[in-house]
Amino acid sequence: MHITRRAFLKSGAMAGLVPFAPKTLLAQEGVPPELAARKAMLQLGPDGFPQTEIWGYNGTAPGPELRMGQGSVFQTRLLNELDEPTSVHWHGLRIDNAMDGVTGLTQDGVAPGDGFDYSFTAPDAGTFWYHAHARSFEQVGRGLYGAFIVDEAERPDIDRDEVLILDDWRLNPESGQIAGPFAGTHDRSHAGRLGNFITTNSAANYTSNVKKGERLRLRLINAANDRIFSLAVAGFDGWIMAYDGMPLTNPEKLEGPLYLAPGQRVDLFVDVTADEGENAFLARIEDKQGFAQATFPVTGSAARTPRAAPAPLPPNPNMSVGDLQSAMPIQLKMEGGAMGSLKTAVLDGKSMDMEQIANANQFWAFNGVVGLTDTPLARLSRNETARMSIVNDTAFAHAMHLHGMHFREVLADGTLGPLRDTLLIFSGQTRDIAFLAHNPGKWLFHCHMLAHAASGMTTWVDVA
């Protein structure tokens, strides 16, 4: 059945609120022996729309949910059934450098028809994810990602564990297919590729029944290419338990909006306070209006008296960032983009003006250098502490992601923020981070707005 563009817009699909039943997606407990990156058809759009061709692991988007216990050995084989090279990055997992999955830095791309064996130990419990790391701006945008959950040795005091992967898709409203191009100059030079169809676990109106008094663990993952989600809850009492897979020493009461940048994760514990027959919500806030990102109909009652506030999750090993007094100083200045002040920068070893850089479809620079080079941002000894000052001299926000290690923000009063692997830095801000270089290898450091990374915002650190 053909649905016109006007009917598509009128349906509310652009806001992710169309009233059709959510799909049942593959959520695999454990680890499959193979992850095949392949093209497949998925009913993303409303009933009556044709299926959408996606690229997914084992033919689904999100891909299989990988779940294992802390300290377990993970093994799987990537099979590339696409027409171009690919690889898998295990986002947030502090693993051996050879397994990090960054094409061009830690491994060669896996050619079409070939495979690659990934094997590593998962040292940390928490919420992580995996995604393609070759031409990520398109491969992730077409659906090559999934959740990677590492369970604590002892189950925390919760009744339910829900993984919610947030994404936006840019669909052609006439055909229901993913719209191109993925390397458009406007997306690259502005806020990135923002979709017009917003989903949770690939459903535009994700629902899950709950009972009043239940305590849920909501594992939120932002898999969008470039969208920053502003989130809130209704019908819940909530606490932030972990950022980017790393537990907080003291859970934070959830009050006000919660920003979730591309690549970031948050673990929430929420108690259902809405009455039976009502709905609780994970809400998305846009232009001061709330939209249902996920709906939780209350179908019964589980408890009469409220629970006490949750105890902290057990800490992961090696959560210290070391001695700041002896830390190696590193400077990183972000420049470029539309409405930016960048005049010249080095691209492919040559100094170029902004017009020449833009003609190469590149728009951003770190310390006057565009894109990945053979020279690292910093060389660090193993177990050396680094302190990096990051200046955002651009008109846009950026989500800076460090591979292989986590960091803490050094706050204005000298205290340290929570351990994270991705930090959202708004226009005009200067933010300091500190990390312990405990993991040897070549570690990528880039903006996880994937359009920005593809157009210049990529560097690396070398840990001897």
Protein backbone atom coordinates (compact mmCIF):
# COMPACT_ATOMS: atom_id res chain seq x y z
CA MET A 1 0.00 0.00 0.00
CA HIS A 2 1.40 3.42 -0.96
CA ILE A 3 1.18 6.17 1.64
CA THR A 4 1.83 9.74 0.58
CA ARG A 5 4.32 12.04 2.23
CA ARG A 6 1.46 14.13 3.62
CA ALA A 7 -0.15 11.06 5.19
CA PHE A 8 3.19 10.05 6.67
CA LEU A 9 3.65 13.46 8.29
CA LYS A 10 0.05 13.57 9.48
CA SER A 11 0.44 10.14 11.10
CA GLY A 12 2.84 11.60 13.67
CA ALA A 13 5.62 9.24 12.69
CA MET A 14 8.06 12.12 12.53
CA ALA A 15 7.66 12.51 16.29
CA GLY A 16 7.88 8.80 16.98
CA LEU A 17 4.32 8.62 18.29
CA VAL A 18 2.41 6.59 15.70
CA PRO A 19 -0.08 4.18 17.32
CA PHE A 20 0.98 0.81 16.00
CA ALA A 21 2.07 -2.26 17.88
CA PRO A 22 5.80 -2.55 18.66
CA LYS A 23 7.69 -5.34 16.97
CA THR A 24 9.17 -8.30 18.74
CA LEU A 25 12.92 -8.01 18.24
CA LEU A 26 15.64 -10.55 18.74
CA ALA A 27 17.01 -10.22 22.29
CA GLN A 28 19.42 -13.07 22.80
CA GLU A 29 20.50 -14.08 26.27
CA GLY A 30 24.15 -15.04 26.09
CA VAL A 31 26.53 -14.82 23.17
CA PRO A 32 25.92 -16.19 19.65
CA PRO A 33 28.93 -17.92 18.09
CA GLU A 34 28.64 -15.66 15.04
CA LEU A 35 27.59 -12.08 14.33
CA ALA A 36 26.80 -11.68 10.65
CA ALA A 37 26.67 -8.12 9.31
CA ARG A 38 24.08 -8.32 6.57
CA LYS A 39 21.28 -6.51 4.80
CA ALA A 40 17.75 -7.35 5.91
CA MET A 41 14.19 -6.05 5.79
CA LEU A 42 12.54 -4.65 8.93
CA GLN A 43 9.09 -3.15 9.48
CA LEU A 44 10.28 0.18 10.85
CA GLY A 45 7.49 2.38 9.54
CA PRO A 46 3.77 2.30 10.38
CA ASP A 47 1.47 -0.45 9.13
CA GLY A 48 0.94 -0.04 5.41
CA PHE A 49 4.47 1.13 4.76
CA PRO A 50 6.84 -1.21 2.98
CA GLN A 51 9.56 -2.82 5.04
CA THR A 52 12.79 -0.85 5.34
CA GLU A 53 16.10 -2.28 4.22
CA ILE A 54 18.51 -2.07 7.16
CA TRP A 55 22.00 -3.36 7.83
CA GLY A 56 21.92 -5.44 10.99
CA TYR A 57 23.85 -8.02 12.94
CA ASN A 58 22.22 -11.38 12.26
CA GLY A 59 19.64 -9.47 10.26
CA THR A 60 18.12 -7.45 13.11
CA ALA A 61 18.34 -3.88 14.36
CA PRO A 62 19.24 -3.67 17.15
CA GLY A 63 21.40 -6.76 16.81
CA PRO A 64 21.37 -9.64 19.30
CA GLU A 65 21.58 -8.56 22.93
CA LEU A 66 24.91 -9.89 24.18
CA ARG A 67 24.78 -10.73 27.88
CA MET A 68 27.39 -12.33 30.09
CA GLY A 69 28.73 -12.29 33.64
CA GLN A 70 31.51 -10.01 34.86
CA GLY A 71 34.91 -11.58 34.30
CA SER A 72 33.63 -13.99 31.65
CA VAL A 73 35.45 -14.60 28.39
CA PHE A 74 33.61 -13.32 25.32
CA GLN A 75 34.12 -15.02 21.97
CA THR A 76 32.32 -14.55 18.68
CA ARG A 77 33.14 -14.44 14.98
CA LEU A 78 32.18 -11.49 12.83
CA LEU A 79 31.02 -12.52 9.37
CA ASN A 80 30.90 -9.78 6.78
CA GLU A 81 28.01 -10.31 4.36
CA LEU A 82 28.02 -6.68 3.23
CA ASP A 83 29.50 -5.25 0.04
CA GLU A 84 32.14 -3.21 1.89
CA PRO A 85 34.66 -3.76 4.72
CA THR A 86 33.46 -3.59 8.31
CA SER A 87 34.54 -4.23 11.91
CA VAL A 88 33.01 -4.21 15.40
CA HIS A 89 33.90 -1.83 18.25
CA TRP A 90 32.92 -2.88 21.79
CA HIS A 91 32.01 0.55 23.07
CA GLY A 92 33.02 1.22 26.69
CA LEU A 93 34.62 -2.16 27.33
CA ARG A 94 38.18 -1.87 28.65
CA ILE A 95 39.69 -4.70 26.62
CA ASP A 96 42.88 -5.58 24.74
CA ASN A 97 43.74 -3.04 22.04
CA ALA A 98 43.85 -5.68 19.29
CA MET A 99 40.15 -6.41 19.95
CA ASP A 100 38.97 -2.77 19.92
CA GLY A 101 37.75 -3.02 16.33
CA VAL A 102 38.84 0.33 14.88
CA THR A 103 39.48 -0.04 11.17
CA GLY A 104 42.72 1.66 10.20
CA LEU A 105 44.09 1.87 13.74
CA THR A 106 43.75 -1.44 15.60
CA GLN A 107 42.81 -3.79 12.74
CA ASP A 108 42.23 -3.96 9.03
CA GLY A 109 38.66 -3.84 7.84
CA VAL A 110 37.06 -7.25 7.43
CA ALA A 111 36.57 -7.65 3.69
CA PRO A 112 33.25 -8.78 2.18
CA GLY A 113 32.92 -12.52 2.56
CA ASP A 114 35.61 -12.73 5.26
CA GLY A 115 35.42 -13.09 9.03
CA PHE A 116 37.27 -12.01 12.17
CA ASP A 117 37.40 -13.68 15.59
CA TYR A 118 36.91 -11.41 18.61
CA SER A 119 37.89 -12.74 22.02
CA PHE A 120 38.36 -10.86 25.29
CA THR A 121 37.53 -10.83 28.98
CA ALA A 122 34.84 -8.40 30.18
CA PRO A 123 36.37 -6.84 33.31
CA ASP A 124 33.54 -4.47 34.19
CA ALA A 125 29.87 -4.99 34.97
CA GLY A 126 27.54 -2.51 33.35
CA THR A 127 25.73 -1.32 30.25
CA PHE A 128 27.83 -1.22 27.09
CA TRP A 129 27.12 -1.59 23.39
CA TYR A 130 28.72 -2.71 20.17
CA HIS A 131 28.65 -1.14 16.73
CA ALA A 132 30.37 -1.04 13.37
CA HIS A 133 33.59 0.98 13.23
CA ALA A 134 34.23 1.21 9.50
CA ARG A 135 32.43 4.08 7.80
CA SER A 136 30.46 4.30 11.04
CA PHE A 137 28.50 7.33 9.88
CA GLU A 138 26.65 5.04 7.44
CA GLN A 139 27.00 1.53 8.88
CA VAL A 140 25.72 2.54 12.33
CA GLY A 141 23.11 4.77 10.72
CA ARG A 142 21.76 1.76 8.85
CA GLY A 143 21.43 -0.34 12.02
CA LEU A 144 24.74 -2.10 12.78
CA TYR A 145 24.66 -1.93 16.58
CA GLY A 146 23.39 -3.79 19.65
CA ALA A 147 23.50 -3.91 23.44
CA PHE A 148 26.35 -5.55 25.36
CA ILE A 149 25.31 -6.22 28.97
CA VAL A 150 27.72 -7.46 31.64
CA ASP A 151 25.88 -8.59 34.78
CA GLU A 152 27.12 -8.14 38.33
CA ALA A 153 27.98 -11.27 40.31
CA GLU A 154 24.90 -10.70 42.49
CA ARG A 155 21.63 -9.42 41.06
CA PRO A 156 20.72 -6.02 42.50
CA ASP A 157 17.39 -5.37 44.21
CA ILE A 158 15.24 -4.97 41.08
CA ASP A 159 12.18 -6.70 39.68
CA ARG A 160 12.84 -6.08 35.98
CA ASP A 161 15.80 -5.34 33.71
CA GLU A 162 14.92 -3.37 30.54
CA VAL A 163 17.41 -2.45 27.81
CA LEU A 164 16.22 0.59 25.82
CA ILE A 165 18.25 1.54 22.74
CA LEU A 166 17.31 4.99 21.48
CA ASP A 167 17.84 5.92 17.85
CA ASP A 168 16.60 8.13 15.07
CA TRP A 169 16.30 7.15 11.44
CA ARG A 170 16.10 9.37 8.40
CA LEU A 171 13.37 7.77 6.31
CA ASN A 172 12.05 8.78 2.95
CA PRO A 173 8.34 9.39 3.72
CA GLU A 174 7.34 8.24 0.24
CA SER A 175 9.14 4.89 0.19
CA GLY A 176 9.85 4.20 3.87
CA GLN A 177 13.50 3.54 2.98
CA ILE A 178 16.54 5.01 4.70
CA ALA A 179 17.28 8.28 2.95
CA GLY A 180 20.67 9.37 1.73
CA PRO A 181 23.16 10.79 1.40
CA PHE A 182 25.14 9.87 4.51
CA ALA A 183 28.02 12.21 3.69
CA GLY A 184 26.02 15.38 3.05
CA THR A 185 27.95 18.60 3.55
CA HIS A 186 25.22 20.25 5.65
CA ASP A 187 25.08 17.36 8.11
CA ARG A 188 28.85 17.19 8.39
CA SER A 189 29.32 20.92 8.94
CA HIS A 190 26.36 21.48 11.29
CA ALA A 191 24.76 19.38 14.06
CA GLY A 192 25.08 16.08 12.18
CA ARG A 193 22.66 13.68 10.54
CA LEU A 194 19.41 14.02 12.49
CA GLY A 195 16.64 11.56 11.72
CA ASN A 196 12.92 12.18 11.29
CA PHE A 197 11.73 8.89 12.81
CA ILE A 198 12.60 8.27 16.46
CA THR A 199 12.52 4.80 17.98
CA THR A 200 13.21 2.72 21.06
CA ASN A 201 14.46 -0.76 20.20
CA SER A 202 13.38 0.04 16.61
CA ALA A 203 9.76 0.64 17.67
CA ALA A 204 8.20 4.08 17.33
CA ASN A 205 5.79 3.46 20.22
CA TYR A 206 7.69 1.04 22.45
CA THR A 207 5.53 -0.26 25.32
CA SER A 208 6.16 -2.59 28.24
CA ASN A 209 3.61 -3.48 30.92
CA VAL A 210 4.57 -2.86 34.56
CA LYS A 211 3.02 -3.04 38.02
CA LYS A 212 2.74 -0.29 40.58
CA GLY A 213 5.55 -0.60 43.12
CA GLU A 214 7.88 -2.53 40.82
CA ARG A 215 11.50 -1.47 40.64
CA LEU A 216 12.92 -1.46 37.12
CA ARG A 217 16.45 -1.13 35.91
CA LEU A 218 16.32 0.90 32.71
CA ARG A 219 19.52 0.61 30.69
CA LEU A 220 19.46 3.55 28.29
CA ILE A 221 21.76 3.53 25.25
CA ASN A 222 21.96 6.32 22.69
CA ALA A 223 22.77 4.64 19.36
CA ALA A 224 21.81 7.63 17.21
CA ASN A 225 24.39 9.01 14.82
CA ASP A 226 24.21 12.57 16.09
CA ARG A 227 21.03 13.25 18.11
CA ILE A 228 21.30 14.37 21.74
CA PHE A 229 18.31 13.09 23.71
CA SER A 230 16.87 15.18 26.53
CA LEU A 231 14.99 12.74 28.76
CA ALA A 232 12.74 12.72 31.81
CA VAL A 233 10.45 10.24 33.56
CA ALA A 234 6.78 10.48 34.59
CA GLY A 235 4.97 8.00 36.81
CA PHE A 236 8.32 6.87 38.23
CA ASP A 237 10.62 7.74 41.10
CA GLY A 238 14.10 7.39 39.69
CA TRP A 239 17.79 7.28 40.55
CA ILE A 240 20.84 7.43 38.31
CA MET A 241 22.94 4.39 39.23
CA ALA A 242 25.71 4.42 36.60
CA TYR A 243 27.07 6.46 33.72
CA ASP A 244 28.64 4.72 30.72
CA GLY A 245 28.70 1.39 32.57
CA MET A 246 30.48 2.74 35.66
CA PRO A 247 28.58 2.71 38.99
CA LEU A 248 28.19 5.85 41.06
CA THR A 249 29.43 5.81 44.65
CA ASN A 250 26.16 7.51 45.61
CA PRO A 251 23.11 7.14 43.35
CA GLU A 252 21.72 10.48 42.14
CA LYS A 253 18.02 11.26 42.48
CA LEU A 254 16.63 11.83 39.01
CA GLU A 255 15.33 15.38 38.87
CA GLY A 256 15.01 17.53 35.78
CA PRO A 257 16.12 16.61 32.25
CA LEU A 258 18.81 14.01 31.60
CA TYR A 259 20.99 14.56 28.54
CA LEU A 260 22.10 11.45 26.67
CA ALA A 261 24.61 12.16 23.91
CA PRO A 262 25.49 9.74 21.10
CA GLY A 263 27.44 6.82 22.53
CA GLN A 264 26.48 7.52 26.14
CA ARG A 265 24.62 5.14 28.46
CA VAL A 266 22.81 5.64 31.75
CA ASP A 267 21.51 3.02 34.18
CA LEU A 268 18.36 4.13 36.00
CA PHE A 269 16.56 2.41 38.85
CA VAL A 270 12.92 3.53 38.76
CA ASP A 271 10.01 2.65 41.04
CA VAL A 272 6.58 2.65 39.41
CA THR A 273 4.41 5.26 41.16
CA ALA A 274 1.64 5.60 38.55
CA ASP A 275 -1.65 3.97 39.54
CA GLU A 276 -3.10 0.88 37.94
CA GLY A 277 -4.78 1.81 34.65
CA GLU A 278 -2.41 4.73 34.08
CA ASN A 279 0.85 4.95 32.13
CA ALA A 280 4.37 5.71 33.25
CA PHE A 281 6.72 7.20 30.69
CA LEU A 282 10.29 7.67 29.64
CA ALA A 283 9.75 11.04 27.98
CA ARG A 284 11.74 12.87 25.35
CA ILE A 285 11.77 16.66 25.64
CA GLU A 286 11.89 18.74 22.47
CA ASP A 287 11.10 22.45 22.20
CA LYS A 288 9.82 22.36 25.79
CA GLN A 289 7.27 19.67 24.89
CA GLY A 290 7.23 16.07 26.11
CA PHE A 291 6.89 13.04 23.83
CA ALA A 292 6.62 9.38 24.81
CA GLN A 293 9.97 7.74 24.13
CA ALA A 294 8.77 4.57 25.92
CA THR A 295 5.38 3.88 27.50
CA PHE A 296 4.82 1.62 30.51
CA PRO A 297 1.12 0.76 31.07
CA VAL A 298 0.45 -0.06 34.72
CA THR A 299 -1.52 -3.32 34.71
CA GLY A 300 -1.43 -4.32 38.38
CA SER A 301 0.14 -3.75 41.77
CA ALA A 302 3.31 -5.33 43.12
CA ALA A 303 3.78 -3.53 46.44
CA ARG A 304 1.81 -1.37 48.83
CA THR A 305 4.68 0.42 50.59
CA PRO A 306 7.47 2.32 48.84
CA ARG A 307 10.95 0.84 48.86
CA ALA A 308 13.92 2.59 50.38
CA ALA A 309 16.31 4.36 48.02
CA PRO A 310 18.53 1.85 46.21
CA ALA A 311 21.96 0.93 47.45
CA PRO A 312 24.87 1.69 45.10
CA LEU A 313 25.90 -0.91 42.56
CA PRO A 314 29.21 -2.63 43.37
CA PRO A 315 32.22 -0.71 42.02
CA ASN A 316 34.18 -1.95 39.06
CA PRO A 317 37.93 -2.53 39.38
CA ASN A 318 40.44 0.23 38.58
CA MET A 319 38.14 3.23 38.85
CA SER A 320 40.88 5.63 40.05
CA VAL A 321 42.41 8.16 37.66
CA GLY A 322 45.63 8.49 39.66
CA ASP A 323 47.50 11.53 40.94
CA LEU A 324 46.43 14.78 39.28
CA GLN A 325 49.44 16.67 40.65
CA SER A 326 51.83 14.68 38.47
CA ALA A 327 49.47 14.31 35.50
CA MET A 328 50.71 14.91 31.96
CA PRO A 329 48.94 18.00 30.55
CA ILE A 330 47.29 17.62 27.15
CA GLN A 331 45.57 20.39 25.20
CA LEU A 332 42.79 19.77 22.68
CA LYS A 333 41.10 22.62 20.83
CA MET A 334 38.07 21.88 18.68
CA GLU A 335 37.63 24.18 15.70
CA GLY A 336 35.69 24.39 12.47
CA GLY A 337 32.18 23.70 11.32
CA ALA A 338 29.56 26.12 10.07
CA MET A 339 29.74 29.54 11.75
CA GLY A 340 33.19 28.61 13.06
CA SER A 341 36.37 30.67 13.13
CA LEU A 342 38.73 28.11 11.58
CA LYS A 343 40.76 29.76 8.77
CA THR A 344 43.44 27.16 8.00
CA ALA A 345 44.31 23.64 9.11
CA VAL A 346 46.47 20.71 8.08
CA LEU A 347 44.78 18.05 5.96
CA ASP A 348 46.72 15.07 4.59
CA GLY A 349 49.96 16.75 5.64
CA LYS A 350 49.25 20.01 3.80
CA SER A 351 48.18 23.38 5.14
CA MET A 352 44.89 24.39 3.55
CA ASP A 353 42.39 27.19 3.90
CA MET A 354 38.80 26.50 4.95
CA GLU A 355 37.51 26.56 1.38
CA GLN A 356 39.97 23.85 0.35
CA ILE A 357 39.12 21.79 3.42
CA ALA A 358 35.38 22.09 2.74
CA ASN A 359 35.93 21.06 -0.88
CA ALA A 360 37.33 17.79 0.51
CA ASN A 361 34.07 17.41 2.54
CA GLN A 362 36.00 17.97 5.77
CA PHE A 363 35.01 20.67 8.25
CA TRP A 364 36.53 20.14 11.70
CA ALA A 365 39.99 20.16 13.26
CA PHE A 366 41.68 19.22 16.53
CA ASN A 367 44.62 21.52 17.30
CA GLY A 368 44.65 22.66 13.69
CA VAL A 369 44.76 19.14 12.24
CA VAL A 370 41.92 17.54 10.27
CA GLY A 371 41.31 13.81 10.79
CA LEU A 372 43.45 10.90 11.88
CA THR A 373 47.20 11.10 11.31
CA ASP A 374 50.20 8.91 12.06
CA THR A 375 51.11 11.17 15.00
CA PRO A 376 49.13 10.67 18.23
CA LEU A 377 47.68 13.50 20.27
CA ALA A 378 49.80 12.26 23.19
CA ARG A 379 52.23 9.49 24.08
CA LEU A 380 51.76 8.12 27.58
CA SER A 381 53.59 5.60 29.70
CA ARG A 382 51.55 2.78 31.10
CA ASN A 383 49.84 3.76 34.38
CA GLU A 384 50.63 7.43 33.80
CA THR A 385 47.88 9.92 34.63
CA ALA A 386 46.88 12.39 31.94
CA ARG A 387 44.87 15.58 32.32
CA MET A 388 43.34 16.90 29.11
CA SER A 389 41.86 20.37 28.71
CA ILE A 390 39.27 20.39 25.90
CA VAL A 391 38.17 23.71 24.39
CA ASN A 392 35.04 23.73 22.22
CA ASP A 393 35.64 26.71 19.94
CA THR A 394 32.78 25.75 17.61
CA ALA A 395 29.09 26.61 17.33
CA PHE A 396 27.94 23.05 18.10
CA ALA A 397 28.00 20.45 20.86
CA HIS A 398 30.33 17.46 20.64
CA ALA A 399 30.33 14.09 22.43
CA MET A 400 33.98 13.16 22.99
CA HIS A 401 34.58 9.40 23.33
CA LEU A 402 37.80 7.76 24.56
CA HIS A 403 38.39 4.13 23.60
CA GLY A 404 39.90 1.56 25.96
CA MET A 405 39.81 3.65 29.13
CA HIS A 406 37.40 5.75 31.16
CA PHE A 407 38.01 9.26 32.52
CA ARG A 408 36.67 11.62 35.15
CA GLU A 409 35.89 15.26 34.59
CA VAL A 410 37.94 17.62 36.76
CA LEU A 411 35.32 20.04 38.01
CA ALA A 412 35.84 23.75 38.70
CA ASP A 413 36.23 23.17 42.44
CA GLY A 414 38.90 20.53 41.88
CA THR A 415 36.67 17.56 42.64
CA LEU A 416 36.20 14.71 40.21
CA GLY A 417 33.03 13.81 38.36
CA PRO A 418 31.75 10.31 37.62
CA LEU A 419 33.79 7.86 35.56
CA ARG A 420 32.69 8.05 31.92
CA ASP A 421 33.88 7.16 28.42
CA THR A 422 31.91 9.86 26.54
CA LEU A 423 31.54 13.51 27.56
CA LEU A 424 29.07 16.00 26.07
CA ILE A 425 30.74 19.40 25.61
CA PHE A 426 28.58 22.33 24.54
CA SER A 427 29.62 25.27 22.37
CA GLY A 428 32.02 27.65 24.09
CA GLN A 429 32.80 25.33 26.99
CA THR A 430 36.21 24.32 28.29
CA ARG A 431 36.20 21.00 30.14
CA ASP A 432 39.06 19.11 31.79
CA ILE A 433 39.21 15.33 32.02
CA ALA A 434 41.70 13.02 33.74
CA PHE A 435 42.39 9.36 33.08
CA LEU A 436 44.85 6.67 34.03
CA ALA A 437 46.63 5.22 31.01
CA HIS A 438 46.43 1.66 32.32
CA ASN A 439 45.62 -0.01 29.01
CA PRO A 440 48.50 -0.23 26.46
CA GLY A 441 47.83 0.36 22.79
CA LYS A 442 46.61 2.89 20.24
CA TRP A 443 43.33 4.32 21.52
CA LEU A 444 40.99 6.41 19.42
CA PHE A 445 39.64 9.70 20.81
CA HIS A 446 36.92 11.26 18.70
CA CYS A 447 33.59 13.02 18.58
CA HIS A 448 30.81 10.43 18.67
CA MET A 449 28.64 12.64 16.53
CA LEU A 450 29.54 10.31 13.70
CA ALA A 451 29.15 12.95 10.99
CA HIS A 452 31.71 15.08 12.85
CA ALA A 453 34.13 12.18 13.30
CA ALA A 454 33.93 11.44 9.58
CA SER A 455 34.73 15.05 8.72
CA GLY A 456 37.75 15.72 10.88
CA MET A 457 37.12 15.20 14.61
CA THR A 458 39.32 12.16 15.18
CA THR A 459 42.66 11.65 16.93
CA TRP A 460 44.34 9.02 19.13
CA VAL A 461 46.57 8.52 22.16
CA ASP A 462 49.43 6.04 22.38
CA VAL A 463 49.90 4.15 25.65
CA ALA A 464 53.28 2.42 25.66
